[in-house]
Amino acid sequence: MYFIFYKTNDVFMAEEKLKSKSIQVDVVPTPVQDKAYCGVCVQLNDADIDKAKNELVSMEYKTVD
């Protein structure tokens, strides 16, 4: 699943926050259907999605499968 943010800075903030909680995360290009956003996003394994959502509750993002 992709977590898509509106600002590039938020992508890297989310990456740092998730990695500090031992959640495997990759910064990847934003999927083609969502190029209106900043161009990069974080990708997570399905097993970590609920944990990641709890960690990112204060951030603005959308998810795409």
Protein backbone atom coordinates (compact mmCIF):
# COMPACT_ATOMS: atom_id res chain seq x y z
CA MET A 1 0.00 0.00 0.00
CA TYR A 2 1.15 3.53 -0.76
CA PHE A 3 0.84 6.44 1.66
CA ILE A 4 0.73 9.59 -0.47
CA PHE A 5 1.49 12.98 1.05
CA TYR A 6 0.97 16.50 -0.26
CA LYS A 7 4.50 17.70 0.54
CA THR A 8 7.84 15.99 -0.05
CA ASN A 9 8.97 17.00 3.43
CA ASP A 10 6.04 15.02 4.89
CA VAL A 11 7.15 11.90 3.01
CA PHE A 12 10.57 11.98 4.63
CA MET A 13 9.12 12.88 8.04
CA ALA A 14 6.81 9.86 7.80
CA GLU A 15 9.70 7.63 6.71
CA GLU A 16 11.76 8.69 9.72
CA LYS A 17 8.84 8.29 12.13
CA LEU A 18 7.95 4.81 10.82
CA LYS A 19 11.53 3.54 10.75
CA SER A 20 11.97 4.68 14.36
CA LYS A 21 9.11 2.29 15.22
CA SER A 22 10.76 -0.58 13.26
CA ILE A 23 8.19 -0.43 10.44
CA GLN A 24 9.68 -1.40 7.06
CA VAL A 25 9.09 1.49 4.65
CA ASP A 26 10.38 2.41 1.19
CA VAL A 27 10.29 5.82 -0.48
CA VAL A 28 9.14 5.27 -4.06
CA PRO A 29 7.73 7.35 -6.94
CA THR A 30 4.06 8.23 -6.56
CA PRO A 31 1.81 5.93 -8.65
CA VAL A 32 0.88 7.40 -12.04
CA GLN A 33 -2.79 8.01 -11.15
CA ASP A 34 -1.71 10.40 -8.37
CA LYS A 35 0.90 12.62 -10.03
CA ALA A 36 -0.85 15.72 -8.63
CA TYR A 37 0.98 15.08 -5.38
CA CYS A 38 4.66 15.63 -4.59
CA GLY A 39 6.13 12.87 -6.76
CA VAL A 40 7.32 10.47 -4.05
CA CYS A 41 5.45 8.47 -1.42
CA VAL A 42 6.04 5.73 1.11
CA GLN A 43 5.23 2.11 0.40
CA LEU A 44 4.49 -0.37 3.18
CA ASN A 45 3.84 -4.07 3.52
CA ASP A 46 0.21 -4.97 4.22
CA ALA A 47 1.17 -6.37 7.64
CA ASP A 48 2.36 -2.93 8.82
CA ILE A 49 -0.54 -0.77 7.58
CA ASP A 50 -2.53 -0.55 10.82
CA LYS A 51 0.58 0.15 12.87
CA ALA A 52 1.67 2.84 10.39
CA LYS A 53 -1.75 4.52 10.41
CA ASN A 54 -1.55 4.75 14.20
CA GLU A 55 1.89 6.37 13.98
CA LEU A 56 0.84 8.85 11.26
CA VAL A 57 -2.49 9.89 12.76
CA SER A 58 -1.42 13.55 13.01
CA MET A 59 -0.30 13.74 9.35
CA GLU A 60 -2.36 14.42 6.22
CA TYR A 61 -2.09 11.70 3.57
CA LYS A 62 -4.15 9.38 1.41
CA THR A 63 -3.68 5.68 0.75
CA VAL A 64 -3.66 3.84 -2.57
CA ASP A 65 -3.44 0.05 -3.04
